[in-house]
């Protein structure tokens, strides 16, 4: 209680102190850490060229009606100039409330996809990490086998699962031998969603397991010994020692998992290809379809979907970090 009161008092004192301006803070930071600025400059330049410039171009495209018919191009020695026009926020209005009503079904499925996949990968990864952290025979071999799905390139893993989930693949052959039916994993919309979640979980569990395993090994064993001497059950030791000790790791990997899963293009696109139903498309693959999957190619609407995805992730990350900071102050 005393620590929390002292922390709030320090925060109130900092809030009352006048904050220097942005230019003054930048000048002071450069004077103190000029070498870091110099070392970061090449990276900033490269990121500005590879990320910043395309991002600005994408934002500008969202305010136009650009498509493959009115964008300037060069054919032989002839150059056709741009003929698209500025239309303001019309793309965003059409996406969010237009007659085709395509954005919201994809948005809802993207949220469901992200929540289910992150829950499965985090839960399974944590369970495997707790299991692999125990002393057992062959633990090194088990760890190696569990890391293999992450070590194998993603496209190889997905194509392997595409063969396994085909109508005559090993999965349906096994289910048929057990008299459990033959789901159409790669053609039926419902089973496509189930297959995508399972494959994405298979690809994501090893990273979660390794992250949690590193966090478990950083928890002092004295805490477990003290809890055991106090008569704590294994579940109590897990909830009162393991989970609080994993909080710095779990908060980071959950955020990364949400961002990666929300933008997981590879699993949906490579697993189903052109034969995927529209209902299985998440927002990022929906943007790809707008850009490449129709004629004329709708550059502006595709860019608008991408900017909406970016905005959603930025807002979520900001609230997530504030929630973590508030919880840290409360627990302190």
Protein backbone atom coordinates (compact mmCIF):
# COMPACT_ATOMS: atom_id res chain seq x y z
CA UNK A 1 0.00 0.00 0.00
CA UNK A 2 2.81 2.36 0.88
CA UNK A 3 4.56 1.69 -2.41
CA UNK A 4 1.37 2.43 -4.35
CA UNK A 5 0.86 5.72 -2.47
CA UNK A 6 4.46 6.74 -3.12
CA UNK A 7 4.08 5.89 -6.78
CA UNK A 8 0.96 8.01 -7.11
CA UNK A 9 2.69 10.89 -5.30
CA UNK A 10 5.65 10.77 -7.71
CA UNK A 11 3.26 10.68 -10.67
CA UNK A 12 1.37 13.74 -9.34
CA UNK A 13 4.64 15.63 -8.89
CA UNK A 14 5.67 14.80 -12.45
CA UNK A 15 2.29 15.94 -13.75
CA UNK A 16 2.62 19.29 -11.96
CA UNK A 17 6.08 19.97 -13.35
CA UNK A 18 6.08 21.95 -16.63
CA UNK A 19 7.00 19.73 -19.56
CA UNK A 20 9.61 21.04 -22.02
CA UNK A 21 8.63 21.48 -25.63
CA UNK A 22 9.15 18.86 -28.32
CA UNK A 23 12.11 20.65 -29.88
CA UNK A 24 13.78 21.06 -26.48
CA UNK A 25 13.27 17.36 -25.67
CA UNK A 26 14.69 16.31 -29.04
CA UNK A 27 17.70 18.61 -28.63
CA UNK A 28 18.39 17.27 -25.14
CA UNK A 29 18.02 13.68 -26.34
CA UNK A 30 20.43 14.31 -29.22
CA UNK A 31 22.99 15.96 -26.93
CA UNK A 32 22.89 13.00 -24.52
CA UNK A 33 22.61 10.15 -27.02
CA UNK A 34 24.01 11.52 -30.30
CA UNK A 35 25.80 8.25 -31.05
CA UNK A 36 22.51 6.34 -30.89
CA UNK A 37 20.93 8.83 -33.31
CA UNK A 38 23.85 8.36 -35.70
CA UNK A 39 23.62 4.57 -35.51
CA UNK A 40 19.84 4.63 -36.08
CA UNK A 41 19.95 7.08 -38.98
CA UNK A 42 20.61 4.47 -41.75
CA UNK A 43 17.76 2.30 -40.44
CA UNK A 44 15.42 5.29 -40.33
CA UNK A 45 16.31 6.19 -43.91
CA UNK A 46 15.73 2.63 -45.15
CA UNK A 47 12.44 2.32 -43.28
CA UNK A 48 11.34 5.69 -44.60
CA UNK A 49 12.01 4.56 -48.17
CA UNK A 50 10.53 1.05 -47.84
CA UNK A 51 7.68 1.70 -45.39
CA UNK A 52 7.06 5.43 -44.98
CA UNK A 53 6.81 6.39 -48.66
CA UNK A 54 4.49 3.49 -49.66
CA UNK A 55 2.36 4.19 -46.59
CA UNK A 56 1.91 7.83 -47.56
CA UNK A 57 1.11 6.80 -51.14
CA UNK A 58 -1.45 4.30 -49.85
CA UNK A 59 -3.13 6.92 -47.67
CA UNK A 60 -3.36 9.31 -50.63
CA UNK A 61 -4.86 6.57 -52.83
CA UNK A 62 -7.72 6.08 -50.39
CA UNK A 63 -9.00 9.57 -51.23
CA UNK A 64 -9.17 8.84 -54.97
CA UNK A 65 -11.04 6.51 -57.33
CA UNK A 66 -7.83 4.95 -58.65
CA UNK A 67 -8.10 1.58 -60.39
CA UNK A 68 -6.26 -0.36 -63.06
CA UNK A 69 -8.02 1.58 -65.85
CA UNK A 70 -7.27 5.16 -64.81
CA UNK A 71 -3.78 4.89 -63.29
CA UNK A 72 -0.97 6.13 -65.49
CA UNK A 73 1.23 3.53 -67.20
CA UNK A 74 3.75 3.20 -69.98
CA UNK A 75 3.09 0.92 -72.95
CA UNK A 76 6.09 0.72 -75.22
CA UNK A 77 7.11 4.28 -76.01
CA UNK A 78 3.66 5.68 -75.16
CA UNK A 79 2.88 7.04 -71.70
CA UNK A 80 -0.73 7.19 -70.50
CA UNK A 81 -1.12 9.79 -67.73
CA UNK A 82 -3.21 9.41 -64.58
CA UNK A 83 -6.91 10.08 -65.05
CA UNK A 84 -8.28 9.26 -61.60
CA UNK A 85 -9.82 12.01 -59.50
CA UNK A 86 -9.99 13.07 -55.88
CA UNK A 87 -13.20 11.85 -54.18
CA UNK A 88 -12.49 12.52 -50.49
CA UNK A 89 -13.87 10.02 -47.97
CA UNK A 90 -16.18 8.23 -50.41
CA UNK A 91 -14.16 4.98 -50.29
CA UNK A 92 -14.41 4.80 -46.52
CA UNK A 93 -18.14 5.61 -46.59
CA UNK A 94 -18.77 2.93 -49.24
CA UNK A 95 -16.78 0.35 -47.26
CA UNK A 96 -18.43 1.04 -43.92
CA UNK A 97 -21.99 1.72 -45.08
CA UNK A 98 -22.10 0.94 -48.79
CA UNK A 99 -24.68 -1.20 -50.60
CA UNK A 100 -22.37 -4.19 -51.09
CA UNK A 101 -22.01 -4.59 -47.28
CA UNK A 102 -18.75 -6.52 -47.61
CA UNK A 103 -16.56 -4.91 -44.96
CA UNK A 104 -18.45 -5.83 -41.79
CA UNK A 105 -18.78 -9.60 -42.41
CA UNK A 106 -15.05 -9.74 -43.10
CA UNK A 107 -14.39 -7.59 -40.03
CA UNK A 108 -16.45 -9.85 -37.76
CA UNK A 109 -14.75 -12.99 -39.08
CA UNK A 110 -11.34 -11.33 -38.67
CA UNK A 111 -12.09 -10.60 -35.00
CA UNK A 112 -13.34 -14.16 -34.40
CA UNK A 113 -10.34 -15.58 -36.26
CA UNK A 114 -7.90 -13.47 -34.23
CA UNK A 115 -9.46 -14.21 -30.83
CA UNK A 116 -9.78 -17.97 -31.40
CA UNK A 117 -6.29 -18.37 -32.89
CA UNK A 118 -4.54 -16.30 -30.22
CA UNK A 119 -6.43 -18.10 -27.45
CA UNK A 120 -5.47 -21.51 -28.84
CA UNK A 121 -1.84 -20.64 -29.53
CA UNK A 122 -1.29 -18.93 -26.17
CA UNK A 123 -3.10 -21.63 -24.19
CA UNK A 124 -1.42 -24.53 -25.98
CA UNK A 125 1.99 -22.84 -25.93
CA UNK A 126 1.72 -22.15 -22.20
CA UNK A 127 0.66 -25.72 -21.45
CA UNK A 128 3.52 -27.19 -23.48
CA UNK A 129 6.01 -24.75 -21.90
CA UNK A 130 4.96 -25.80 -18.39
CA UNK A 131 5.28 -29.44 -19.43
CA UNK A 132 8.68 -28.97 -21.09
CA UNK A 133 9.99 -27.03 -18.10
CA UNK A 134 9.78 -30.13 -15.92
CA UNK A 135 12.57 -32.63 -15.57
CA UNK A 136 11.82 -35.66 -17.75
CA UNK A 137 13.63 -38.13 -19.91
CA UNK A 138 14.00 -37.04 -23.52
CA UNK A 139 13.06 -33.44 -22.77
CA UNK A 140 15.56 -32.10 -25.32
CA UNK A 141 14.12 -34.35 -28.05
CA UNK A 142 10.57 -33.28 -27.24
CA UNK A 143 11.56 -29.63 -27.40
CA UNK A 144 13.22 -30.17 -30.78
CA UNK A 145 10.13 -31.90 -32.19
CA UNK A 146 7.83 -29.14 -30.93
CA UNK A 147 10.00 -26.44 -32.48
CA UNK A 148 10.02 -28.07 -35.94
CA UNK A 149 6.70 -26.53 -37.12
CA UNK A 150 8.21 -23.10 -36.49
CA UNK A 151 11.60 -23.95 -38.05
CA UNK A 152 10.05 -25.19 -41.29
CA UNK A 153 9.23 -22.35 -43.74
CA UNK A 154 5.60 -21.31 -43.45
CA UNK A 155 4.70 -21.98 -47.09
CA UNK A 156 6.09 -25.54 -46.83
CA UNK A 157 4.01 -26.18 -43.72
CA UNK A 158 0.84 -24.79 -45.29
CA UNK A 159 1.26 -26.72 -48.54
CA UNK A 160 1.86 -29.89 -46.50
CA UNK A 161 -1.36 -29.30 -44.60
CA UNK A 162 -3.15 -28.63 -47.88
CA UNK A 163 -2.19 -32.11 -49.03
CA UNK A 164 -3.13 -33.65 -45.68
CA UNK A 165 -6.56 -31.94 -45.68
CA UNK A 166 -7.46 -32.72 -49.29
CA UNK A 167 -10.41 -35.04 -49.97
CA UNK A 168 -8.11 -38.03 -50.37
CA UNK A 169 -5.54 -36.87 -47.84
CA UNK A 170 -4.29 -38.51 -44.68
CA UNK A 171 -6.67 -36.62 -42.37
CA UNK A 172 -9.84 -37.70 -44.17
CA UNK A 173 -8.48 -41.24 -44.55
CA UNK A 174 -7.95 -41.43 -40.79
CA UNK A 175 -11.39 -39.97 -40.06
CA UNK A 176 -12.96 -42.41 -42.51
CA UNK A 177 -11.24 -45.33 -40.81
CA UNK A 178 -12.74 -44.13 -37.52
CA UNK A 179 -16.19 -43.69 -39.19
CA UNK A 180 -16.19 -39.94 -38.43
CA UNK A 181 -17.02 -38.70 -41.91
CA UNK A 182 -15.04 -36.85 -44.57
CA UNK A 183 -15.25 -33.07 -44.05
CA UNK A 184 -14.56 -30.90 -47.09
CA UNK A 185 -11.74 -28.99 -45.44
CA UNK A 186 -10.74 -27.06 -48.56
CA UNK A 187 -14.13 -26.33 -50.16
CA UNK A 188 -16.89 -26.09 -47.55
CA UNK A 189 -16.98 -22.56 -45.98
CA UNK A 190 -17.40 -23.81 -42.39
CA UNK A 191 -14.68 -26.42 -42.60
CA UNK A 192 -12.41 -23.95 -44.37
CA UNK A 193 -12.60 -21.75 -41.28
CA UNK A 194 -11.89 -24.70 -39.00
CA UNK A 195 -8.94 -25.78 -41.16
CA UNK A 196 -7.50 -22.25 -41.24
CA UNK A 197 -7.68 -21.96 -37.45
CA UNK A 198 -6.05 -25.37 -36.95
CA UNK A 199 -3.21 -24.69 -39.40
CA UNK A 200 -2.55 -21.22 -37.97
CA UNK A 201 -2.47 -22.70 -34.46
CA UNK A 202 -0.01 -25.36 -35.61
CA UNK A 203 2.28 -22.64 -37.01
CA UNK A 204 1.99 -20.32 -34.00
CA UNK A 205 2.29 -22.66 -31.01
CA UNK A 206 6.10 -23.19 -31.17
CA UNK A 207 6.83 -19.46 -30.84
CA UNK A 208 4.49 -19.15 -27.87
CA UNK A 209 5.99 -22.25 -26.25
CA UNK A 210 9.55 -20.95 -26.61
CA UNK A 211 8.62 -17.53 -25.26
CA UNK A 212 6.80 -18.93 -22.24
CA UNK A 213 9.57 -21.47 -21.65
CA UNK A 214 12.12 -18.66 -21.44
CA UNK A 215 9.83 -16.80 -19.04
CA UNK A 216 9.37 -19.89 -16.85
CA UNK A 217 13.11 -20.41 -16.56
CA UNK A 218 13.54 -16.82 -15.37
CA UNK A 219 11.19 -17.32 -12.38
CA UNK A 220 13.29 -18.02 -9.23
CA UNK A 221 12.79 -21.56 -7.92
CA UNK A 222 12.80 -20.16 -4.36
CA UNK A 223 9.30 -18.78 -4.97
CA UNK A 224 7.98 -22.26 -5.74
CA UNK A 225 9.76 -23.72 -2.73
CA UNK A 226 8.32 -21.06 -0.43
CA UNK A 227 4.82 -21.58 -1.82
CA UNK A 228 5.13 -25.34 -1.41
CA UNK A 229 6.29 -24.93 2.20
CA UNK A 230 3.24 -22.75 2.85
CA UNK A 231 1.03 -25.62 1.68
CA UNK A 232 0.04 -24.22 -1.73
CA UNK A 233 -1.45 -26.73 -4.15
CA UNK A 234 -0.03 -27.08 -7.70
CA UNK A 235 -2.91 -24.97 -9.07
CA UNK A 236 -2.29 -22.27 -6.45
CA UNK A 237 1.42 -22.24 -7.30
CA UNK A 238 0.50 -21.88 -10.97
CA UNK A 239 -1.95 -19.01 -10.44
CA UNK A 240 0.01 -17.13 -7.75
CA UNK A 241 3.61 -17.72 -8.84
CA UNK A 242 3.77 -18.85 -12.47
CA UNK A 243 1.21 -16.52 -14.06
CA UNK A 244 2.44 -13.34 -12.28
CA UNK A 245 6.02 -14.28 -13.14
CA UNK A 246 5.08 -14.69 -16.80
CA UNK A 247 3.27 -11.34 -17.01
CA UNK A 248 6.13 -9.44 -18.74
CA UNK A 249 6.42 -12.21 -21.34
CA UNK A 250 2.71 -12.91 -21.78
CA UNK A 251 1.78 -9.26 -22.28
CA UNK A 252 4.27 -8.99 -25.13
CA UNK A 253 3.58 -12.29 -26.89
CA UNK A 254 -0.19 -11.77 -26.72
CA UNK A 255 0.16 -8.37 -28.38
CA UNK A 256 2.46 -9.81 -31.05
CA UNK A 257 0.12 -12.75 -31.57
CA UNK A 258 -2.86 -10.45 -32.08
CA UNK A 259 -1.00 -8.28 -34.59
CA UNK A 260 0.41 -11.25 -36.52
CA UNK A 261 -2.88 -13.15 -36.58
CA UNK A 262 -4.92 -10.10 -37.59
CA UNK A 263 -2.60 -9.70 -40.59
CA UNK A 264 -2.05 -13.42 -41.27
CA UNK A 265 -2.21 -13.47 -45.06
CA UNK A 266 -0.20 -16.64 -45.73
CA UNK A 267 -2.46 -19.22 -44.12
CA UNK A 268 -5.69 -18.12 -45.81
CA UNK A 269 -4.18 -17.47 -49.22
CA UNK A 270 -1.84 -20.45 -49.50
CA UNK A 271 -4.16 -23.00 -47.89
CA UNK A 272 -7.17 -22.31 -50.12
CA UNK A 273 -5.85 -20.31 -53.07
CA UNK A 274 -8.42 -19.12 -55.59
CA UNK A 275 -10.94 -21.72 -54.42
CA UNK A 276 -11.59 -20.15 -51.03
CA UNK A 277 -15.08 -18.93 -50.21
CA UNK A 278 -15.61 -15.24 -49.63
CA UNK A 279 -16.71 -15.87 -46.03
CA UNK A 280 -13.28 -17.21 -45.03
CA UNK A 281 -11.46 -14.08 -46.19
CA UNK A 282 -10.10 -11.90 -43.39
CA UNK A 283 -9.63 -8.19 -43.97
CA UNK A 284 -6.06 -8.46 -45.27
CA UNK A 285 -6.97 -11.11 -47.87
CA UNK A 286 -10.13 -9.16 -48.72
CA UNK A 287 -7.90 -6.18 -49.55
CA UNK A 288 -5.79 -8.47 -51.74
CA UNK A 289 -8.90 -9.64 -53.59
CA UNK A 290 -9.95 -6.05 -54.25
CA UNK A 291 -6.51 -5.33 -55.67
CA UNK A 292 -5.84 -8.48 -57.71
CA UNK A 293 -9.00 -10.59 -57.75
CA UNK A 294 -11.31 -8.51 -59.92
CA UNK A 295 -11.38 -6.34 -63.01
CA UNK A 296 -10.85 -3.49 -62.93
CA UNK A 297 -8.46 -3.77 -60.03
CA UNK A 298 -9.70 -1.44 -57.29
CA UNK A 299 -6.53 0.19 -55.95
CA UNK A 300 -8.32 2.83 -53.87
CA UNK A 301 -10.71 0.51 -51.99
CA UNK A 302 -7.91 -1.98 -51.36
CA UNK A 303 -5.74 0.78 -49.89
CA UNK A 304 -8.69 1.97 -47.76
CA UNK A 305 -9.12 -1.52 -46.26
CA UNK A 306 -5.40 -1.60 -45.49
CA UNK A 307 -5.52 1.79 -43.77
CA UNK A 308 -8.54 0.68 -41.73
CA UNK A 309 -6.63 -2.43 -40.62
CA UNK A 310 -3.66 -0.30 -39.63
CA UNK A 311 -5.90 2.13 -37.74
CA UNK A 312 -7.63 -0.69 -35.84
CA UNK A 313 -4.31 -2.17 -34.76
CA UNK A 314 -2.90 1.21 -33.71
CA UNK A 315 -5.97 1.99 -31.60
CA UNK A 316 -6.00 -1.47 -30.05
CA UNK A 317 -2.27 -1.32 -29.24
CA UNK A 318 -2.68 2.09 -27.58
CA UNK A 319 -5.54 0.87 -25.37
CA UNK A 320 -3.74 -2.40 -24.64
CA UNK A 321 -0.61 -0.60 -23.45
CA UNK A 322 -2.65 1.78 -21.29
CA UNK A 323 -4.49 -1.18 -19.76
CA UNK A 324 -1.18 -2.91 -18.98
CA UNK A 325 0.25 0.25 -17.43
CA UNK A 326 -2.87 0.71 -15.30
CA UNK A 327 -2.66 -2.89 -14.08
CA UNK A 328 1.03 -2.50 -13.21
CA UNK A 329 0.27 0.56 -11.09
CA UNK A 330 -2.61 -1.28 -9.37
CA UNK A 331 -0.54 -4.36 -8.56
CA UNK A 332 2.37 -2.21 -7.32
